């Protein structure tokens, strides 16, 4: 208070000594908000990202998901027969992007997976209950729908042109800690990255150093035009916080998933090459006389598949897809899987000492033999196991090698003898009691005629394992 007593007389004295004219000129009207245009060059860009944020932010939403989970009691009390499992509500928080004005929203699958109650909060804080139109764990994308009546919501345009380059400025917009929208800026630090926590090399991500924190999953990665070029998905970090290595699902994949969901589809159909490939290493490049270790070497071809009909041969090296260089086998797989069935894909191929272009028709992998999914029961080693016939379509769906051949695949283990026998999802059943197993029908026939003694051979991670069981 003492400081104010000294200051007030001083200000009064200055006011009394001031010129009346200058006193009149000081009475200016309140300042209005300046009009800003989108940055047009690098120099202008240093001034502000506000025009880009103003365009994109209204289409970024907050998503909260709740699910009921059963929590086991402390194992110590279970030893004394005390404690019972309890149900607990578990929540997750993330972000999403409005991609259609009628209320269609794209986010990460892991944000809403298993959610029994999903709430979407718009940028203006209005809340809506959402339903899942399509969930695609393979790409970690999910498409939601909220009912907004006849209102038209702000949207982000999906830029799937593929023109993004390393070094381009980008913004990551989301709701990382549930405190409201946040915006971080950075650059694209890499393209076609195949780093995936699920080990799926068929996905190729945009890598960015724009900070992506917990809760930012499902948010928008936008370019300087304010268009959606990716959906922020995950980070690589030892501390669990952003460390400059974040990954976003590219817009081309986002658009495919959204189109499928909006069209009423329940699963995304991914075309396949119809060939087994391997990345050209430095050693392979030297042995083949290639100038650089780049591209995908064709090691095997599926009979009458897309690659076979396009004219690919074993020993060919795919160096480009639709005129764009292919760095490795994963880049080739991603480029083809992101196309729509029926489209034509141009392959740049190096064969012998020359180069040629082949036209490949994008097709879904065949579902032959039919899936024939069954849950096995009875007094046998497979009691409680869910099995299906292996086909290229099933292998692609589960992220397996389509060239594993024919056989019966274990996809799930429920309660039963199979759990105690040590069977795992992904195991291929090759023989039972000395009989080869090619289909689910073969398996059920053997199990129906068997006794209490069983010799089972499975293939796991490329190795055969044989074990004997008594039931």
Foldseek 3Di string as FASTA:
>chain_A
DVVVVVVVVVVVVVVVPDDPVVVVVVPDDDDDDDDDDQDDDPVSPVVDLVVLCVQAVQFKKKKKFKAKDWDFDDVVVVVVVDDDIDIDIDMAIAMWGAAFQQFKIKFFLVRHPRGPWMWIAGQVGDIFTWDWLEHANLLRMTIIGTGPDPGGGRGAAQDQVPPFDFFFKKKQWICAPVPHIDIWIWTFHDWQCQDDPVNQLLFGWGWTQTWDAHRSGNTAIAGSVSHGQWGWHAADDPVRGRDRTTTTGGSLQVVQVSVCSVVRHHYRFFFFQQFDWWFQDPVNCVVLVHPDRAFIATQGGHPPGQNVVQPDDHGKGFQDKQPHGGGTPSSVSNVRRSDDAQDWIWTWIDDRPRIDITITGTDGFDCPPPFPWDADDDQDQRHQWIKTWQALNVCVSVSHDRPPAFFIFTQDGDDDNNVVVPDDGGKTWADKPRDGGRGPVSVVVCVVPDDQKIWTWIADPNDIDIDIGGD
